[in-house]
């Protein structure tokens, strides 16, 4: 009983924050139709249609920007991994 209440409370909180129905369904296992109806009740409109975009292509909109974002991500990961390795080495040599 409490497990269902927790799932419903989580779903309600996510829907209040305009979360996508597919995400709320995945996290709570509440049927999508029930979530759509709850969203309509909360916001007086239907939820946004369509699937989630898993690609950065929709965010960057051009090849030039996509290349810049990719370069930044690679540089960031490289610096992060080196700093973590250095931090670990400093801890080991104490």
C-alpha atoms as a PDB file:
ATOM      1  CA  UNK A   1       0.000   0.000   0.000  1.00  0.00           C
ATOM      2  CA  UNK A   2       2.714   2.494   0.982  1.00  0.00           C
ATOM      3  CA  UNK A   3       4.738   1.562  -2.078  1.00  0.00           C
ATOM      4  CA  UNK A   4       1.831   2.609  -4.304  1.00  0.00           C
ATOM      5  CA  UNK A   5       1.439   5.859  -2.374  1.00  0.00           C
ATOM      6  CA  UNK A   6       5.124   6.655  -2.826  1.00  0.00           C
ATOM      7  CA  UNK A   7       4.925   5.951  -6.567  1.00  0.00           C
ATOM      8  CA  UNK A   8       1.848   8.127  -6.913  1.00  0.00           C
ATOM      9  CA  UNK A   9       3.435  10.960  -4.932  1.00  0.00           C
ATOM     10  CA  UNK A  10       6.545  10.786  -7.107  1.00  0.00           C
ATOM     11  CA  UNK A  11       4.438  10.797 -10.275  1.00  0.00           C
ATOM     12  CA  UNK A  12       2.446  13.776  -9.077  1.00  0.00           C
ATOM     13  CA  UNK A  13       5.587  15.728  -8.183  1.00  0.00           C
ATOM     14  CA  UNK A  14       7.174  14.979 -11.558  1.00  0.00           C
ATOM     15  CA  UNK A  15       4.005  15.929 -13.425  1.00  0.00           C
ATOM     16  CA  UNK A  16       3.791  19.199 -11.488  1.00  0.00           C
ATOM     17  CA  UNK A  17       7.263  19.955 -12.824  1.00  0.00           C
ATOM     18  CA  UNK A  18       6.130  19.249 -16.413  1.00  0.00           C
ATOM     19  CA  UNK A  19       8.140  16.033 -16.741  1.00  0.00           C
ATOM     20  CA  UNK A  20       7.556  13.986 -19.877  1.00  0.00           C
ATOM     21  CA  UNK A  21       4.964  11.247 -19.551  1.00  0.00           C
ATOM     22  CA  UNK A  22       7.436   8.604 -20.776  1.00  0.00           C
ATOM     23  CA  UNK A  23       9.906   9.496 -18.006  1.00  0.00           C
ATOM     24  CA  UNK A  24       7.252   9.456 -15.279  1.00  0.00           C
ATOM     25  CA  UNK A  25       5.949   6.124 -16.573  1.00  0.00           C
ATOM     26  CA  UNK A  26       9.447   4.633 -16.619  1.00  0.00           C
ATOM     27  CA  UNK A  27      10.161   5.741 -13.041  1.00  0.00           C
ATOM     28  CA  UNK A  28       6.799   4.875 -11.480  1.00  0.00           C
ATOM     29  CA  UNK A  29       5.321   2.120 -13.709  1.00  0.00           C
ATOM     30  CA  UNK A  30       1.984   3.955 -13.635  1.00  0.00           C
ATOM     31  CA  UNK A  31       0.110   3.508 -16.943  1.00  0.00           C
ATOM     32  CA  UNK A  32       0.723   6.288 -19.459  1.00  0.00           C
ATOM     33  CA  UNK A  33      -2.994   6.955 -19.958  1.00  0.00           C
ATOM     34  CA  UNK A  34      -3.457   7.596 -16.234  1.00  0.00           C
ATOM     35  CA  UNK A  35      -0.463   9.949 -16.267  1.00  0.00           C
ATOM     36  CA  UNK A  36      -1.805  11.841 -19.298  1.00  0.00           C
ATOM     37  CA  UNK A  37      -5.146  12.362 -17.561  1.00  0.00           C
ATOM     38  CA  UNK A  38      -3.423  13.575 -14.387  1.00  0.00           C
ATOM     39  CA  UNK A  39      -1.275  15.967 -16.440  1.00  0.00           C
ATOM     40  CA  UNK A  40      -4.391  17.418 -18.102  1.00  0.00           C
ATOM     41  CA  UNK A  41      -6.002  17.891 -14.694  1.00  0.00           C
ATOM     42  CA  UNK A  42      -2.936  19.626 -13.272  1.00  0.00           C
ATOM     43  CA  UNK A  43      -2.106  21.915 -16.165  1.00  0.00           C
ATOM     44  CA  UNK A  44      -5.410  22.271 -18.060  1.00  0.00           C
ATOM     45  CA  UNK A  45      -3.717  21.166 -21.264  1.00  0.00           C
ATOM     46  CA  UNK A  46      -2.363  18.017 -22.856  1.00  0.00           C
ATOM     47  CA  UNK A  47       1.241  16.976 -22.255  1.00  0.00           C
ATOM     48  CA  UNK A  48       3.842  17.638 -24.948  1.00  0.00           C
ATOM     49  CA  UNK A  49       3.698  14.952 -27.615  1.00  0.00           C
ATOM     50  CA  UNK A  50       6.585  13.052 -29.118  1.00  0.00           C
ATOM     51  CA  UNK A  51       9.543  11.061 -28.004  1.00  0.00           C
ATOM     52  CA  UNK A  52      12.484  12.404 -26.084  1.00  0.00           C
ATOM     53  CA  UNK A  53      15.413  13.552 -28.129  1.00  0.00           C
ATOM     54  CA  UNK A  54      18.485  11.543 -27.183  1.00  0.00           C
ATOM     55  CA  UNK A  55      20.738  13.277 -29.676  1.00  0.00           C
ATOM     56  CA  UNK A  56      22.507  16.595 -29.298  1.00  0.00           C
ATOM     57  CA  UNK A  57      21.647  17.281 -32.919  1.00  0.00           C
ATOM     58  CA  UNK A  58      18.363  18.884 -31.922  1.00  0.00           C
ATOM     59  CA  UNK A  59      20.131  21.141 -29.441  1.00  0.00           C
ATOM     60  CA  UNK A  60      22.967  22.358 -31.632  1.00  0.00           C
ATOM     61  CA  UNK A  61      21.098  22.891 -34.913  1.00  0.00           C
ATOM     62  CA  UNK A  62      24.253  23.234 -37.012  1.00  0.00           C
ATOM     63  CA  UNK A  63      27.334  21.183 -37.834  1.00  0.00           C
ATOM     64  CA  UNK A  64      29.644  23.959 -36.615  1.00  0.00           C
ATOM     65  CA  UNK A  65      27.975  24.151 -33.187  1.00  0.00           C
ATOM     66  CA  UNK A  66      27.880  20.355 -32.921  1.00  0.00           C
ATOM     67  CA  UNK A  67      31.641  20.209 -33.551  1.00  0.00           C
ATOM     68  CA  UNK A  68      32.253  22.869 -30.895  1.00  0.00           C
ATOM     69  CA  UNK A  69      30.120  21.002 -28.350  1.00  0.00           C
ATOM     70  CA  UNK A  70      31.888  17.726 -29.142  1.00  0.00           C
ATOM     71  CA  UNK A  71      35.318  19.342 -28.783  1.00  0.00           C
ATOM     72  CA  UNK A  72      34.320  20.871 -25.441  1.00  0.00           C
ATOM     73  CA  UNK A  73      33.025  17.511 -24.176  1.00  0.00           C
ATOM     74  CA  UNK A  74      36.237  15.707 -25.146  1.00  0.00           C
ATOM     75  CA  UNK A  75      38.419  18.401 -23.533  1.00  0.00           C
ATOM     76  CA  UNK A  76      36.300  18.379 -20.379  1.00  0.00           C
ATOM     77  CA  UNK A  77      36.435  14.585 -20.050  1.00  0.00           C
ATOM     78  CA  UNK A  78      40.199  14.589 -20.591  1.00  0.00           C
ATOM     79  CA  UNK A  79      40.843  17.252 -17.942  1.00  0.00           C
ATOM     80  CA  UNK A  80      38.421  15.599 -15.531  1.00  0.00           C
ATOM     81  CA  UNK A  81      40.012  12.158 -15.870  1.00  0.00           C
ATOM     82  CA  UNK A  82      43.535  13.591 -15.421  1.00  0.00           C
ATOM     83  CA  UNK A  83      42.552  15.590 -12.359  1.00  0.00           C
ATOM     84  CA  UNK A  84      40.862  12.569 -10.778  1.00  0.00           C
ATOM     85  CA  UNK A  85      43.911  10.394 -11.469  1.00  0.00           C
ATOM     86  CA  UNK A  86      46.183  13.062  -9.975  1.00  0.00           C
ATOM     87  CA  UNK A  87      43.940  13.374  -6.943  1.00  0.00           C
ATOM     88  CA  UNK A  88      43.978   9.596  -6.418  1.00  0.00           C
ATOM     89  CA  UNK A  89      47.768   9.484  -6.756  1.00  0.00           C
ATOM     90  CA  UNK A  90      48.168  12.265  -4.168  1.00  0.00           C
ATOM     91  CA  UNK A  91      45.944  10.348  -1.748  1.00  0.00           C
ATOM     92  CA  UNK A  92      47.917   7.116  -2.229  1.00  0.00           C
ATOM     93  CA  UNK A  93      51.294   8.759  -1.597  1.00  0.00           C
ATOM     94  CA  UNK A  94      50.369  10.292   1.756  1.00  0.00           C
END
